[in-house]
Amino acid sequence: MARVRNGVVTKRRHKKILKEARGYFGSKHREFKSAKEQLMHAGQYAYRDRRQKKREMRKIWIVRINAACREEEISYSRFIEGLNKAGIEVNRKMLSEIAINDKEAFKELVEVAKTGKVKEVKLPTKEKEVKEVKEVKTTKETNKKEKVDLTKLTVAELREMAKNAKIEGSATMKKAELIDALNK
């Protein structure tokens, strides 16, 4: 039996590891053993820090909101408590963006938080855009409902719907043809 040599496979694996380790300091980008070890650590750090990044961003948002609240002479905790009592659900990311970019809207939110009751808060939005978005959402929702409902129905149910919609030849149509006819 012939001797099997793994040199090609090993070399390929080593090159792959060393390619990923490019840019590392010292021998960590030159020697396979230290490069592999460093890549394992780098993967662990990346996994850990992807989770820590979310925590850090939340801390930053809270600091920004707190600073804006202090300018309006209210503490962060009273502000959040007031918004909760008023039934306003805005996440901290959006609150920090409002605090930075739109001081007047933030002042109105502070007033709502101080009273604990919702009055009409007019955030700067264009009414046409809001109406268009609502119309688009309603049309998408109705289309989705129809498509999902039609595909889940049996052929007998589809034929009954086609009969009610007065579609000719529905008695001999297949399921796909019935769905197409009903969607028109």
Protein backbone atom coordinates (compact mmCIF):
# COMPACT_ATOMS: atom_id res chain seq x y z
CA MET A 1 0.00 0.00 0.00
CA ALA A 2 1.29 3.47 -0.87
CA ARG A 3 2.29 5.89 1.85
CA VAL A 4 -0.13 8.81 2.30
CA ARG A 5 1.51 12.18 2.78
CA ASN A 6 -0.50 15.08 4.19
CA GLY A 7 1.91 17.87 3.35
CA VAL A 8 -0.38 19.60 0.86
CA VAL A 9 -3.40 19.60 3.17
CA THR A 10 -1.37 20.76 6.16
CA LYS A 11 0.28 23.53 4.17
CA ARG A 12 -3.14 24.73 2.94
CA ARG A 13 -4.54 24.77 6.49
CA HIS A 14 -1.50 26.66 7.79
CA LYS A 15 -1.72 29.22 4.98
CA LYS A 16 -5.39 29.81 5.76
CA ILE A 17 -4.65 30.49 9.44
CA LEU A 18 -1.67 32.74 8.63
CA LYS A 19 -3.74 34.67 6.10
CA GLU A 20 -6.37 35.41 8.77
CA ALA A 21 -3.61 36.48 11.18
CA ARG A 22 -2.14 39.10 8.86
CA GLY A 23 -1.45 42.34 10.67
CA TYR A 24 -0.92 40.79 14.10
CA PHE A 25 2.14 41.91 16.05
CA GLY A 26 5.42 39.97 16.15
CA SER A 27 5.43 36.24 15.63
CA LYS A 28 1.65 36.07 15.81
CA HIS A 29 1.45 36.67 12.07
CA ARG A 30 4.48 34.55 11.13
CA GLU A 31 4.38 31.35 13.16
CA PHE A 32 1.47 28.96 12.78
CA LYS A 33 1.24 27.91 16.42
CA SER A 34 1.12 31.43 17.88
CA ALA A 35 -1.10 32.67 15.01
CA LYS A 36 -3.66 29.91 15.66
CA GLU A 37 -3.67 30.69 19.38
CA GLN A 38 -4.11 34.41 18.74
CA LEU A 39 -6.97 33.79 16.30
CA MET A 40 -8.75 31.69 18.92
CA HIS A 41 -8.39 34.51 21.44
CA ALA A 42 -9.49 37.08 18.85
CA GLY A 43 -12.65 35.07 18.20
CA GLN A 44 -13.42 34.94 21.92
CA TYR A 45 -12.87 38.67 22.29
CA ALA A 46 -15.10 39.40 19.29
CA TYR A 47 -17.89 37.20 20.66
CA ARG A 48 -17.67 38.86 24.09
CA ASP A 49 -17.46 42.39 22.74
CA ARG A 50 -20.44 42.02 20.41
CA ARG A 51 -22.51 41.63 23.55
CA GLN A 52 -20.70 44.33 25.49
CA LYS A 53 -21.20 46.81 22.66
CA LYS A 54 -24.97 46.68 23.20
CA ARG A 55 -24.52 47.45 26.91
CA GLU A 56 -22.13 50.30 26.22
CA MET A 57 -24.46 51.91 23.69
CA ARG A 58 -27.35 51.79 26.17
CA LYS A 59 -25.11 53.48 28.77
CA ILE A 60 -24.22 56.22 26.27
CA TRP A 61 -27.89 56.82 25.43
CA ILE A 62 -28.77 57.08 29.12
CA VAL A 63 -25.93 59.58 29.73
CA ARG A 64 -27.14 61.73 26.81
CA ILE A 65 -30.74 61.65 28.00
CA ASN A 66 -29.65 62.46 31.54
CA ALA A 67 -27.63 65.47 30.36
CA ALA A 68 -30.60 66.79 28.37
CA CYS A 69 -32.92 66.18 31.34
CA ARG A 70 -30.63 68.11 33.69
CA GLU A 71 -30.81 71.09 31.34
CA GLU A 72 -34.60 70.93 31.72
CA GLU A 73 -34.28 70.62 35.53
CA ILE A 74 -35.53 67.05 35.90
CA SER A 75 -33.64 63.89 36.78
CA TYR A 76 -33.35 60.98 34.38
CA SER A 77 -35.25 58.61 36.66
CA ARG A 78 -38.16 61.07 37.12
CA PHE A 79 -38.23 61.63 33.35
CA ILE A 80 -38.48 57.92 32.55
CA GLU A 81 -41.02 57.40 35.34
CA GLY A 82 -43.17 60.25 33.99
CA LEU A 83 -43.07 58.87 30.45
CA ASN A 84 -44.10 55.43 31.72
CA LYS A 85 -47.00 56.92 33.70
CA ALA A 86 -48.10 58.86 30.62
CA GLY A 87 -47.97 55.66 28.58
CA ILE A 88 -45.33 56.90 26.16
CA GLU A 89 -43.12 54.08 24.95
CA VAL A 90 -40.00 55.45 23.30
CA ASN A 91 -36.75 53.55 23.49
CA ARG A 92 -33.63 55.18 24.87
CA LYS A 93 -31.89 55.30 21.49
CA MET A 94 -34.68 57.44 20.02
CA LEU A 95 -34.89 59.60 23.16
CA SER A 96 -31.17 60.37 22.92
CA GLU A 97 -31.53 61.25 19.22
CA ILE A 98 -34.46 63.56 20.02
CA ALA A 99 -32.46 65.15 22.86
CA ILE A 100 -29.55 65.88 20.53
CA ASN A 101 -31.33 66.88 17.33
CA ASP A 102 -34.68 68.34 18.39
CA LYS A 103 -34.59 70.28 21.66
CA GLU A 104 -38.18 71.56 21.37
CA ALA A 105 -39.68 68.09 21.02
CA PHE A 106 -37.60 66.93 23.97
CA LYS A 107 -38.90 69.87 26.03
CA GLU A 108 -42.46 68.76 25.25
CA LEU A 109 -41.61 65.22 26.34
CA VAL A 110 -40.18 66.62 29.59
CA GLU A 111 -43.40 68.56 30.19
CA VAL A 112 -45.40 65.39 29.63
CA ALA A 113 -43.10 63.51 32.02
CA LYS A 114 -43.48 66.21 34.68
CA THR A 115 -47.27 66.13 34.56
CA GLY A 116 -47.50 62.39 33.96
CA LYS A 117 -50.38 62.93 31.54
CA VAL A 118 -50.38 62.99 27.79
CA LYS A 119 -51.44 66.14 26.08
CA GLU A 120 -51.18 66.44 22.35
CA VAL A 121 -47.48 66.21 21.60
CA LYS A 122 -46.71 67.39 18.09
CA LEU A 123 -43.45 65.92 16.96
CA PRO A 124 -42.06 67.48 13.79
CA THR A 125 -43.35 65.20 11.03
CA LYS A 126 -44.85 65.89 7.67
CA GLU A 127 -48.51 64.90 7.57
CA LYS A 128 -48.36 63.81 3.94
CA GLU A 129 -45.52 61.39 4.65
CA VAL A 130 -47.38 59.93 7.61
CA LYS A 131 -50.54 59.44 5.52
CA GLU A 132 -48.54 57.86 2.70
CA VAL A 133 -46.82 55.49 5.10
CA LYS A 134 -50.16 54.46 6.62
CA GLU A 135 -51.63 53.87 3.16
CA VAL A 136 -48.64 51.80 2.09
CA LYS A 137 -48.83 49.74 5.27
CA THR A 138 -52.53 49.07 4.85
CA THR A 139 -52.15 48.02 1.22
CA LYS A 140 -49.21 45.76 2.03
CA GLU A 141 -51.10 44.20 4.93
CA THR A 142 -54.17 43.51 2.83
CA ASN A 143 -52.08 42.01 0.02
CA LYS A 144 -50.22 39.80 2.45
CA LYS A 145 -53.41 38.64 4.09
CA GLU A 146 -54.98 37.76 0.75
CA LYS A 147 -51.93 35.89 -0.49
CA VAL A 148 -51.47 33.94 2.69
CA ASP A 149 -55.17 33.17 3.04
CA LEU A 150 -55.54 32.06 -0.57
CA THR A 151 -52.60 29.70 -0.52
CA LYS A 152 -53.77 28.08 2.70
CA LEU A 153 -57.29 27.47 1.43
CA THR A 154 -58.38 24.23 -0.19
CA VAL A 155 -59.44 24.00 -3.83
CA ALA A 156 -63.10 23.62 -2.82
CA GLU A 157 -62.95 26.83 -0.74
CA LEU A 158 -61.21 28.67 -3.58
CA ARG A 159 -63.89 27.53 -6.04
CA GLU A 160 -66.59 28.79 -3.68
CA MET A 161 -64.84 32.20 -3.47
CA ALA A 162 -64.51 32.29 -7.27
CA LYS A 163 -68.19 31.46 -7.61
CA ASN A 164 -69.07 34.35 -5.27
CA ALA A 165 -66.77 36.66 -7.25
CA LYS A 166 -68.58 35.51 -10.43
CA ILE A 167 -65.47 34.19 -12.20
CA GLU A 168 -66.36 32.10 -15.24
CA GLY A 169 -64.98 28.57 -15.59
CA SER A 170 -63.96 28.33 -11.95
CA ALA A 171 -65.35 24.81 -11.64
CA THR A 172 -62.62 23.40 -13.93
CA MET A 173 -59.70 25.58 -12.81
CA LYS A 174 -56.69 24.29 -10.88
CA LYS A 175 -55.60 25.82 -7.56
CA ALA A 176 -52.93 28.12 -9.05
CA GLU A 177 -55.36 29.37 -11.70
CA LEU A 178 -57.98 30.06 -9.06
CA ILE A 179 -55.52 32.06 -6.95
CA ASP A 180 -54.46 34.12 -9.99
CA ALA A 181 -58.08 34.78 -10.93
CA LEU A 182 -58.99 35.82 -7.38
CA ASN A 183 -55.96 38.14 -7.08
CA LYS A 184 -57.06 40.11 -10.16
